[in-house]
C-alpha atoms as a PDB file:
ATOM      1  CA  MET A   1      17.159 -10.436  -5.287  1.00  0.00           C
ATOM      2  CA  LEU A   2      14.495  -8.485  -4.584  1.00  0.00           C
ATOM      3  CA  CYS A   3      14.264  -5.189  -1.984  1.00  0.00           C
ATOM      4  CA  SER A   4      11.896  -3.818   0.573  1.00  0.00           C
ATOM      5  CA  PHE A   5      12.405  -1.672   3.633  1.00  0.00           C
ATOM      6  CA  THR A   6      15.264  -1.265   6.069  1.00  0.00           C
ATOM      7  CA  TYR A   7      15.268  -2.194   9.384  1.00  0.00           C
ATOM      8  CA  CYS A   8      18.334  -2.742  12.165  1.00  0.00           C
ATOM      9  CA  ASN A   9      17.177  -6.474  13.066  1.00  0.00           C
ATOM     10  CA  ASP A  10      18.806  -5.683  16.648  1.00  0.00           C
ATOM     11  CA  CYS A  11      16.154  -3.934  18.462  1.00  0.00           C
ATOM     12  CA  LEU A  12      13.221  -5.136  20.865  1.00  0.00           C
ATOM     13  CA  LEU A  13      10.796  -4.392  18.165  1.00  0.00           C
ATOM     14  CA  CYS A  14      12.449  -6.368  15.501  1.00  0.00           C
ATOM     15  CA  LYS A  15      13.484  -9.269  17.445  1.00  0.00           C
ATOM     16  CA  ALA A  16       9.472  -9.429  18.437  1.00  0.00           C
ATOM     17  CA  GLY A  17       9.075  -9.449  14.868  1.00  0.00           C
ATOM     18  CA  ASN A  18       7.600  -6.150  14.467  1.00  0.00           C
ATOM     19  CA  HIS A  19      10.342  -5.041  11.517  1.00  0.00           C
ATOM     20  CA  SER A  20       8.174  -2.282   9.765  1.00  0.00           C
ATOM     21  CA  HIS A  21       7.867  -0.766  13.515  1.00  0.00           C
ATOM     22  CA  CYS A  22      11.705  -0.702  13.852  1.00  0.00           C
ATOM     23  CA  PRO A  23      12.543   2.782  15.964  1.00  0.00           C
ATOM     24  CA  ARG A  24      15.176   3.382  13.529  1.00  0.00           C
ATOM     25  CA  PHE A  25      12.764   2.992  10.593  1.00  0.00           C
ATOM     26  CA  THR A  26      12.756   6.850   9.482  1.00  0.00           C
ATOM     27  CA  GLU A  27      16.478   7.038  10.010  1.00  0.00           C
ATOM     28  CA  LEU A  28      17.498   4.016   7.823  1.00  0.00           C
ATOM     29  CA  ASN A  29      14.954   4.516   5.454  1.00  0.00           C
ATOM     30  CA  PHE A  30      14.912   8.282   5.227  1.00  0.00           C
ATOM     31  CA  GLY A  31      17.870   9.459   6.792  1.00  0.00           C
ATOM     32  CA  GLY A  32      21.264   8.326   5.672  1.00  0.00           C
ATOM     33  CA  ASP A  33      23.543   7.297   2.678  1.00  0.00           C
ATOM     34  CA  LYS A  34      22.932  10.817   0.909  1.00  0.00           C
ATOM     35  CA  ASP A  35      26.423  10.936  -0.903  1.00  0.00           C
ATOM     36  CA  VAL A  36      26.412   8.012  -3.138  1.00  0.00           C
ATOM     37  CA  PHE A  37      26.264   8.742  -6.803  1.00  0.00           C
ATOM     38  CA  THR A  38      27.311  11.608  -8.912  1.00  0.00           C
ATOM     39  CA  THR A  39      26.337  13.330 -12.304  1.00  0.00           C
ATOM     40  CA  SER A  40      29.049  13.455 -14.861  1.00  0.00           C
ATOM     41  CA  GLY A  41      29.825  16.266 -16.797  1.00  0.00           C
ATOM     42  CA  SER A  42      31.048  19.600 -16.092  1.00  0.00           C
ATOM     43  CA  ASN A  43      29.114  20.625 -13.014  1.00  0.00           C
ATOM     44  CA  ASP A  44      29.239  17.423 -11.069  1.00  0.00           C
ATOM     45  CA  ASN A  45      26.891  16.958  -8.636  1.00  0.00           C
ATOM     46  CA  VAL A  46      26.367  14.335  -5.642  1.00  0.00           C
ATOM     47  CA  VAL A  47      23.189  12.641  -5.997  1.00  0.00           C
ATOM     48  CA  ALA A  48      21.812  10.390  -2.811  1.00  0.00           C
ATOM     49  CA  GLY A  49      21.118   6.814  -3.819  1.00  0.00           C
ATOM     50  CA  ALA A  50      19.386   4.984  -0.645  1.00  0.00           C
ATOM     51  CA  PHE A  51      15.987   6.978  -0.553  1.00  0.00           C
ATOM     52  CA  PHE A  52      13.743   4.249   1.203  1.00  0.00           C
ATOM     53  CA  GLY A  53      16.574   1.637   1.390  1.00  0.00           C
ATOM     54  CA  GLN A  54      16.709   1.029  -2.407  1.00  0.00           C
ATOM     55  CA  SER A  55      16.350   4.193  -4.579  1.00  0.00           C
ATOM     56  CA  SER A  56      15.702   2.401  -7.408  1.00  0.00           C
ATOM     57  CA  PHE A  57      14.970   5.249  -9.847  1.00  0.00           C
ATOM     58  CA  ALA A  58      18.388   4.296 -10.990  1.00  0.00           C
ATOM     59  CA  ASN A  59      20.017   1.652 -12.902  1.00  0.00           C
ATOM     60  CA  LEU A  60      22.062   0.759  -9.984  1.00  0.00           C
ATOM     61  CA  SER A  61      21.134   0.993  -6.280  1.00  0.00           C
ATOM     62  CA  ILE A  62      23.150   0.457  -3.172  1.00  0.00           C
ATOM     63  CA  VAL A  63      21.159  -1.260  -0.428  1.00  0.00           C
ATOM     64  CA  LYS A  64      21.135  -2.491   3.247  1.00  0.00           C
ATOM     65  CA  GLN A  65      21.426  -6.534   3.461  1.00  0.00           C
ATOM     66  CA  THR A  66      18.075  -5.954   5.557  1.00  0.00           C
ATOM     67  CA  SER A  67      16.711  -4.472   2.693  1.00  0.00           C
ATOM     68  CA  ILE A  68      17.119  -7.632   0.383  1.00  0.00           C
ATOM     69  CA  VAL A  69      14.983 -10.603  -0.393  1.00  0.00           C
ATOM     70  CA  ASN A  70      16.724 -13.913  -1.977  1.00  0.00           C
ATOM     71  CA  VAL A  71      13.909 -14.935  -4.436  1.00  0.00           C
ATOM     72  CA  GLN A  72      16.491 -16.593  -6.645  1.00  0.00           C
ATOM     73  CA  SER A  73      14.499 -20.225  -5.603  1.00  0.00           C
ATOM     74  CA  LEU A  74      11.151 -18.307  -6.454  1.00  0.00           C
ATOM     75  CA  VAL A  75      11.695 -16.357  -9.856  1.00  0.00           C
ATOM     76  CA  LYS A  76      11.667 -18.263 -13.125  1.00  0.00           C
ATOM     77  CA  ASP A  77      13.639 -15.346 -15.628  1.00  0.00           C
ATOM     78  CA  LYS A  78      14.410 -12.003 -15.677  1.00  0.00           C
ATOM     79  CA  ALA A  79      10.870 -11.057 -17.151  1.00  0.00           C
ATOM     80  CA  GLU A  80       9.184 -12.421 -13.677  1.00  0.00           C
ATOM     81  CA  LEU A  81      12.037 -10.638 -11.666  1.00  0.00           C
ATOM     82  CA  GLN A  82      10.750  -7.221 -13.106  1.00  0.00           C
ATOM     83  CA  LEU A  83       6.686  -8.396 -12.401  1.00  0.00           C
ATOM     84  CA  PHE A  84       7.796  -9.168  -8.795  1.00  0.00           C
ATOM     85  CA  SER A  85       9.748  -5.930  -8.301  1.00  0.00           C
ATOM     86  CA  PRO A  86       7.159  -3.823  -6.456  1.00  0.00           C
ATOM     87  CA  LEU A  87       6.224  -6.796  -4.231  1.00  0.00           C
ATOM     88  CA  GLY A  88       8.632  -4.845  -2.009  1.00  0.00           C
ATOM     89  CA  CYS A  89       6.917  -2.008  -1.006  1.00  0.00           C
ATOM     90  CA  GLY A  90       3.168  -1.007  -2.314  1.00  0.00           C
ATOM     91  CA  ILE A  91       1.904  -4.251  -2.623  1.00  0.00           C
ATOM     92  CA  GLN A  92       3.129  -5.707   0.301  1.00  0.00           C
ATOM     93  CA  THR A  93       2.136  -2.815   1.896  1.00  0.00           C
ATOM     94  CA  GLY A  94      -1.723  -2.928   0.943  1.00  0.00           C
ATOM     95  CA  SER A  95      -2.274  -6.544   1.067  1.00  0.00           C
ATOM     96  CA  GLY A  96       0.031  -6.777   4.022  1.00  0.00           C
ATOM     97  CA  THR A  97      -2.717  -4.576   6.181  1.00  0.00           C
ATOM     98  CA  VAL A  98      -5.827  -6.635   5.443  1.00  0.00           C
ATOM     99  CA  ILE A  99      -4.049  -9.421   6.072  1.00  0.00           C
ATOM    100  CA  ASN A 100      -1.693  -8.327   9.225  1.00  0.00           C
ATOM    101  CA  ALA A 101      -3.266  -5.653  10.556  1.00  0.00           C
ATOM    102  CA  ALA A 102      -6.424  -5.739  10.318  1.00  0.00           C
ATOM    103  CA  LYS A 103      -6.873  -9.264  10.619  1.00  0.00           C
ATOM    104  CA  ALA A 104      -9.456  -9.813   7.958  1.00  0.00           C
ATOM    105  CA  GLY A 105     -11.698 -12.720   7.173  1.00  0.00           C
ATOM    106  CA  PRO A 106     -14.878 -13.746   5.741  1.00  0.00           C
ATOM    107  CA  LYS A 107     -17.090 -11.942   8.200  1.00  0.00           C
ATOM    108  CA  ASP A 108     -16.408  -8.777   7.246  1.00  0.00           C
ATOM    109  CA  VAL A 109     -16.707  -5.626   5.413  1.00  0.00           C
ATOM    110  CA  VAL A 110     -13.985  -4.074   4.182  1.00  0.00           C
ATOM    111  CA  LEU A 111     -13.607  -0.588   2.992  1.00  0.00           C
ATOM    112  CA  VAL A 112     -10.288   0.667   0.819  1.00  0.00           C
ATOM    113  CA  THR A 113     -10.196   4.316   0.194  1.00  0.00           C
ATOM    114  CA  GLY A 114      -7.929   5.224  -2.810  1.00  0.00           C
ATOM    115  CA  LEU A 115      -7.234   2.788  -5.710  1.00  0.00           C
ATOM    116  CA  GLY A 116      -3.733   3.099  -6.458  1.00  0.00           C
ATOM    117  CA  GLY A 117      -1.477   0.180  -5.894  1.00  0.00           C
ATOM    118  CA  VAL A 118      -1.346   0.146  -2.012  1.00  0.00           C
ATOM    119  CA  GLY A 119      -5.252   0.271  -2.386  1.00  0.00           C
ATOM    120  CA  LEU A 120      -5.714  -2.350  -5.061  1.00  0.00           C
ATOM    121  CA  SER A 121      -3.658  -4.519  -3.560  1.00  0.00           C
ATOM    122  CA  ALA A 122      -5.895  -4.195  -0.453  1.00  0.00           C
ATOM    123  CA  ILE A 123      -8.439  -4.931  -2.566  1.00  0.00           C
ATOM    124  CA  MET A 124      -6.581  -8.269  -4.251  1.00  0.00           C
ATOM    125  CA  ALA A 125      -6.300  -9.114  -0.061  1.00  0.00           C
ATOM    126  CA  ALA A 126      -9.468  -8.831   1.175  1.00  0.00           C
ATOM    127  CA  LYS A 127     -11.249 -11.014  -1.688  1.00  0.00           C
ATOM    128  CA  LEU A 128      -8.088 -13.598  -0.745  1.00  0.00           C
ATOM    129  CA  VAL A 129      -9.266 -13.794   2.826  1.00  0.00           C
ATOM    130  CA  GLY A 130     -13.111 -14.008   1.535  1.00  0.00           C
ATOM    131  CA  ALA A 131     -14.254 -11.087   3.169  1.00  0.00           C
ATOM    132  CA  ARG A 132     -17.994 -10.806   2.430  1.00  0.00           C
ATOM    133  CA  MET A 133     -18.011  -7.061   0.763  1.00  0.00           C
ATOM    134  CA  ILE A 134     -15.348  -5.705  -0.413  1.00  0.00           C
ATOM    135  CA  ILE A 135     -16.023  -1.302  -1.309  1.00  0.00           C
ATOM    136  CA  GLY A 136     -13.174   0.108  -3.416  1.00  0.00           C
ATOM    137  CA  LEU A 137     -13.393   4.395  -3.268  1.00  0.00           C
ATOM    138  CA  ASP A 138     -11.980   6.529  -5.710  1.00  0.00           C
ATOM    139  CA  LYS A 139     -12.189   9.323  -7.916  1.00  0.00           C
ATOM    140  CA  VAL A 140     -11.025   8.062 -10.995  1.00  0.00           C
ATOM    141  CA  GLU A 141     -12.673   5.395 -13.575  1.00  0.00           C
ATOM    142  CA  LYS A 142     -10.470   3.381 -15.052  1.00  0.00           C
ATOM    143  CA  ARG A 143      -9.223   2.491 -11.307  1.00  0.00           C
ATOM    144  CA  ILE A 144     -12.674   1.777 -10.062  1.00  0.00           C
ATOM    145  CA  ASN A 145     -13.147  -0.352 -12.825  1.00  0.00           C
ATOM    146  CA  LEU A 146     -10.215  -2.220 -12.652  1.00  0.00           C
ATOM    147  CA  ALA A 147     -11.035  -2.756  -8.433  1.00  0.00           C
ATOM    148  CA  LYS A 148     -13.958  -4.570  -9.635  1.00  0.00           C
ATOM    149  CA  GLU A 149     -12.208  -6.853 -11.911  1.00  0.00           C
ATOM    150  CA  LEU A 150      -9.618  -7.856  -8.745  1.00  0.00           C
ATOM    151  CA  GLY A 151     -12.638  -8.156  -6.514  1.00  0.00           C
ATOM    152  CA  ALA A 152     -14.246  -5.023  -5.112  1.00  0.00           C
ATOM    153  CA  THR A 153     -18.172  -6.395  -4.759  1.00  0.00           C
ATOM    154  CA  HIS A 154     -18.987  -2.237  -4.494  1.00  0.00           C
ATOM    155  CA  THR A 155     -17.224   0.941  -5.477  1.00  0.00           C
ATOM    156  CA  ILE A 156     -17.935   4.795  -4.701  1.00  0.00           C
ATOM    157  CA  ASN A 157     -17.052   7.259  -7.250  1.00  0.00           C
ATOM    158  CA  THR A 158     -16.246  10.643  -4.797  1.00  0.00           C
ATOM    159  CA  SER A 159     -16.807  12.735  -8.035  1.00  0.00           C
ATOM    160  CA  THR A 160     -20.401  11.384  -8.018  1.00  0.00           C
ATOM    161  CA  LEU A 161     -21.489  11.816  -4.754  1.00  0.00           C
ATOM    162  CA  GLY A 162     -24.205  14.715  -5.586  1.00  0.00           C
ATOM    163  CA  ASP A 163     -25.975  15.886  -2.124  1.00  0.00           C
ATOM    164  CA  LYS A 164     -24.662  12.943  -0.123  1.00  0.00           C
ATOM    165  CA  THR A 165     -21.524  13.269   2.074  1.00  0.00           C
ATOM    166  CA  LEU A 166     -18.996  10.759   2.107  1.00  0.00           C
ATOM    167  CA  LYS A 167     -20.149   9.213   5.392  1.00  0.00           C
ATOM    168  CA  GLU A 168     -23.508   8.616   4.123  1.00  0.00           C
ATOM    169  CA  ALA A 169     -22.558   6.955   0.435  1.00  0.00           C
ATOM    170  CA  ILE A 170     -20.180   4.279   2.636  1.00  0.00           C
ATOM    171  CA  GLN A 171     -22.569   3.756   5.443  1.00  0.00           C
ATOM    172  CA  GLU A 172     -25.297   3.484   3.042  1.00  0.00           C
ATOM    173  CA  ILE A 173     -23.704   0.804   0.989  1.00  0.00           C
ATOM    174  CA  ALA A 174     -21.941  -1.307   3.958  1.00  0.00           C
ATOM    175  CA  GLU A 175     -25.758  -2.345   5.323  1.00  0.00           C
ATOM    176  CA  GLY A 176     -26.361   1.224   7.108  1.00  0.00           C
ATOM    177  CA  VAL A 177     -24.128   0.800   9.676  1.00  0.00           C
ATOM    178  CA  GLY A 178     -20.605   1.091   7.804  1.00  0.00           C
ATOM    179  CA  PRO A 179     -17.689  -0.996   7.086  1.00  0.00           C
ATOM    180  CA  THR A 180     -15.866  -3.125   9.886  1.00  0.00           C
ATOM    181  CA  ILE A 181     -12.534  -2.418   8.565  1.00  0.00           C
ATOM    182  CA  ALA A 182     -11.214   0.677   6.632  1.00  0.00           C
ATOM    183  CA  VAL A 183      -7.897   0.817   4.847  1.00  0.00           C
ATOM    184  CA  GLU A 184      -6.981   4.260   3.861  1.00  0.00           C
ATOM    185  CA  THR A 185      -4.695   4.572   1.395  1.00  0.00           C
ATOM    186  CA  THR A 186      -4.707   8.486   0.522  1.00  0.00           C
ATOM    187  CA  GLY A 187      -3.380  10.265   3.392  1.00  0.00           C
ATOM    188  CA  ALA A 188      -5.983  12.863   2.071  1.00  0.00           C
ATOM    189  CA  PRO A 189      -7.673  14.623   5.529  1.00  0.00           C
ATOM    190  CA  PRO A 190     -11.328  14.452   4.543  1.00  0.00           C
ATOM    191  CA  LEU A 191     -11.191  10.778   3.305  1.00  0.00           C
ATOM    192  CA  ILE A 192      -9.315   9.857   6.813  1.00  0.00           C
ATOM    193  CA  GLN A 193     -11.966  11.587   8.652  1.00  0.00           C
ATOM    194  CA  ALA A 194     -15.059  10.276   6.495  1.00  0.00           C
ATOM    195  CA  ALA A 195     -13.667   6.687   6.774  1.00  0.00           C
ATOM    196  CA  PHE A 196     -13.163   6.596  10.463  1.00  0.00           C
ATOM    197  CA  GLU A 197     -16.511   8.356  11.040  1.00  0.00           C
ATOM    198  CA  SER A 198     -18.409   5.758   8.681  1.00  0.00           C
ATOM    199  CA  LEU A 199     -17.244   2.792  10.582  1.00  0.00           C
ATOM    200  CA  ARG A 200     -19.723   0.487  12.509  1.00  0.00           C
ATOM    201  CA  PRO A 201     -19.470  -0.031  16.257  1.00  0.00           C
ATOM    202  CA  ARG A 202     -16.040  -2.037  16.569  1.00  0.00           C
ATOM    203  CA  GLY A 203     -14.745  -1.449  13.362  1.00  0.00           C
ATOM    204  CA  LYS A 204     -11.212  -0.605  12.850  1.00  0.00           C
ATOM    205  CA  ILE A 205      -9.293   1.969  10.461  1.00  0.00           C
ATOM    206  CA  CYS A 206      -5.719   1.372   9.562  1.00  0.00           C
ATOM    207  CA  GLN A 207      -3.835   4.121   8.365  1.00  0.00           C
ATOM    208  CA  VAL A 208      -1.818   3.540   5.233  1.00  0.00           C
ATOM    209  CA  GLY A 209      -1.787   6.492   3.438  1.00  0.00           C
ATOM    210  CA  THR A 210       0.859   9.417   4.448  1.00  0.00           C
ATOM    211  CA  PRO A 211      -1.109  12.609   5.964  1.00  0.00           C
ATOM    212  CA  PRO A 212       0.294  16.073   6.062  1.00  0.00           C
ATOM    213  CA  PHE A 213       2.798  16.195   9.197  1.00  0.00           C
ATOM    214  CA  ASP A 214       0.206  18.809  11.063  1.00  0.00           C
ATOM    215  CA  PHE A 215      -2.762  17.019  10.341  1.00  0.00           C
ATOM    216  CA  VAL A 216      -4.721  16.194  13.609  1.00  0.00           C
ATOM    217  CA  MET A 217      -7.896  14.328  13.070  1.00  0.00           C
ATOM    218  CA  ASN A 218     -10.920  15.198  15.081  1.00  0.00           C
ATOM    219  CA  VAL A 219     -12.155  12.621  17.295  1.00  0.00           C
ATOM    220  CA  GLY A 220     -14.719  13.064  20.256  1.00  0.00           C
ATOM    221  CA  TRP A 221     -12.953  11.061  22.948  1.00  0.00           C
ATOM    222  CA  PHE A 222     -16.239   9.906  24.659  1.00  0.00           C
ATOM    223  CA  GLU A 223     -18.043   8.634  21.653  1.00  0.00           C
ATOM    224  CA  PHE A 224     -14.827   7.012  20.615  1.00  0.00           C
ATOM    225  CA  MET A 225     -14.899   4.804  23.694  1.00  0.00           C
ATOM    226  CA  LEU A 226     -18.759   4.178  23.487  1.00  0.00           C
ATOM    227  CA  SER A 227     -18.109   2.828  19.626  1.00  0.00           C
ATOM    228  CA  GLY A 228     -15.155   0.441  20.690  1.00  0.00           C
ATOM    229  CA  ARG A 229     -13.538   1.283  17.155  1.00  0.00           C
ATOM    230  CA  GLU A 230     -10.001   1.085  16.752  1.00  0.00           C
ATOM    231  CA  ILE A 231      -7.368   3.055  14.707  1.00  0.00           C
ATOM    232  CA  ILE A 232      -4.382   1.486  13.617  1.00  0.00           C
ATOM    233  CA  GLY A 233      -1.255   2.788  12.298  1.00  0.00           C
ATOM    234  CA  ALA A 234       0.089   0.160   9.643  1.00  0.00           C
ATOM    235  CA  ILE A 235       3.790   0.378   7.881  1.00  0.00           C
ATOM    236  CA  GLU A 236       4.488  -1.660   4.851  1.00  0.00           C
ATOM    237  CA  GLY A 237       1.414  -3.666   6.063  1.00  0.00           C
ATOM    238  CA  LEU A 238       3.023  -5.320   9.069  1.00  0.00           C
ATOM    239  CA  ALA A 239       5.530  -7.316   7.057  1.00  0.00           C
ATOM    240  CA  TYR A 240       8.128  -9.572   7.614  1.00  0.00           C
ATOM    241  CA  PRO A 241       9.570  -9.095   3.839  1.00  0.00           C
ATOM    242  CA  PRO A 242      11.755 -12.376   3.614  1.00  0.00           C
ATOM    243  CA  GLU A 243       8.799 -14.687   4.753  1.00  0.00           C
ATOM    244  CA  TYR A 244       5.764 -12.257   3.411  1.00  0.00           C
ATOM    245  CA  VAL A 245       7.005 -11.904  -0.305  1.00  0.00           C
ATOM    246  CA  PRO A 246       7.572 -15.607  -1.051  1.00  0.00           C
ATOM    247  CA  LYS A 247       3.675 -15.840   0.608  1.00  0.00           C
ATOM    248  CA  MET A 248       3.034 -13.255  -2.228  1.00  0.00           C
ATOM    249  CA  ILE A 249       4.770 -15.112  -5.240  1.00  0.00           C
ATOM    250  CA  GLN A 250       3.158 -18.333  -4.002  1.00  0.00           C
ATOM    251  CA  TRP A 251      -0.532 -16.492  -4.059  1.00  0.00           C
ATOM    252  CA  TYR A 252       0.269 -15.063  -7.684  1.00  0.00           C
ATOM    253  CA  ARG A 253       1.415 -18.601  -8.878  1.00  0.00           C
ATOM    254  CA  GLU A 254      -2.166 -20.070  -7.247  1.00  0.00           C
ATOM    255  CA  GLY A 255      -4.226 -16.991  -9.661  1.00  0.00           C
ATOM    256  CA  ARG A 256      -5.592 -15.658  -6.641  1.00  0.00           C
ATOM    257  CA  PHE A 257      -2.943 -12.633  -6.563  1.00  0.00           C
ATOM    258  CA  PRO A 258      -2.886 -10.805  -9.620  1.00  0.00           C
ATOM    259  CA  ILE A 259      -0.720  -8.294  -9.603  1.00  0.00           C
ATOM    260  CA  ASP A 260       0.184  -8.401 -13.348  1.00  0.00           C
ATOM    261  CA  LYS A 261      -3.198  -7.115 -14.132  1.00  0.00           C
ATOM    262  CA  MET A 262      -2.299  -3.608 -12.772  1.00  0.00           C
ATOM    263  CA  ILE A 263       1.474  -3.561 -13.687  1.00  0.00           C
ATOM    264  CA  LYS A 264       3.243  -2.397 -16.767  1.00  0.00           C
ATOM    265  CA  LEU A 265       6.685  -2.575 -17.652  1.00  0.00           C
ATOM    266  CA  MET A 266       8.179   0.633 -19.392  1.00  0.00           C
ATOM    267  CA  PRO A 267      11.758   1.607 -20.420  1.00  0.00           C
ATOM    268  CA  ALA A 268      12.883   3.989 -17.692  1.00  0.00           C
ATOM    269  CA  SER A 269      13.437   6.716 -20.487  1.00  0.00           C
ATOM    270  CA  GLU A 270       9.470   6.642 -20.683  1.00  0.00           C
ATOM    271  CA  PHE A 271       9.062   7.776 -16.976  1.00  0.00           C
ATOM    272  CA  LYS A 272       7.266  10.552 -18.056  1.00  0.00           C
ATOM    273  CA  GLN A 273       4.806   8.579 -19.886  1.00  0.00           C
ATOM    274  CA  GLY A 274       4.419   6.223 -16.563  1.00  0.00           C
ATOM    275  CA  LEU A 275       3.841   9.306 -14.283  1.00  0.00           C
ATOM    276  CA  HIS A 276       0.730  10.562 -16.367  1.00  0.00           C
ATOM    277  CA  GLU A 277      -0.638   7.071 -16.845  1.00  0.00           C
ATOM    278  CA  MET A 278      -0.585   6.867 -12.863  1.00  0.00           C
ATOM    279  CA  HIS A 279      -2.734  10.333 -12.851  1.00  0.00           C
ATOM    280  CA  ASP A 280      -5.567   9.412 -15.198  1.00  0.00           C
ATOM    281  CA  GLY A 281      -5.490   5.689 -14.149  1.00  0.00           C
ATOM    282  CA  THR A 282      -4.556   4.176 -17.578  1.00  0.00           C
ATOM    283  CA  THR A 283      -1.644   2.166 -15.837  1.00  0.00           C
ATOM    284  CA  ILE A 284      -1.634   1.701 -11.723  1.00  0.00           C
ATOM    285  CA  LYS A 285       2.019   0.340 -11.403  1.00  0.00           C
ATOM    286  CA  PRO A 286       4.487   1.582 -13.695  1.00  0.00           C
ATOM    287  CA  VAL A 287       7.534  -0.622 -13.663  1.00  0.00           C
ATOM    288  CA  LEU A 288      10.587   1.090 -15.621  1.00  0.00           C
ATOM    289  CA  CYS A 289      13.235  -1.092 -16.727  1.00  0.00           C
ATOM    290  CA  TRP A 290      16.627  -0.321 -17.367  1.00  0.00           C
END
């Protein structure tokens, strides 16, 4: 079994296939099931165990039925199950945003801001659909190099821009007019603003990274109307996990979705090392194995 986000499956949106934007999404994934485990010892403490529908930072997890994707017939062994374990969240989010939300294709110029697990999954998906130009943006050189290996045709290192603004650097690479699609995975307000402003007319930005709750983007509404741009909020790649997870496994089998290049299996006891390697770009997606 693999786990993904939780949805109610009963509301109008879920029945229409919009599970990732279920009205009860926040409540179901972040609001309930606080008292699941207790620590052992002289000072027993209650430990929450269902964060984001799974809370897998434990050797046991309690999940709702809608969080489970049955992959018994698709996974060969335990090693593959470990490799595929991130498919239900970050990898699904990045790739699904490109395919389901942006509906990218061969004519598109795709910008991906932030090259962590979500961003690199978006890079792979952009290559999968044949986007003619794929621009990866980050400040960590190791992530940028991996983006090139996974399909980025151009890259921008934000730590070496010099006198250029971020908007100028993006538009200069994107044929002088900007990308047709921006997938924003960082949630950093300056990057959100720059990605939106760099879009060419009729371009669309898909916001994936979580910004500060009080962030308000400055949009000139008249200019926005004239530009024909689109702003799309995308949760979990607008994917329906029971259908989308098997697709990702099939793409991997076909050699078109090389998730193994950004995943590293690590003993759970080495979680601090995993965090360190994520920060410096040595590892993109550490998977803790119990």
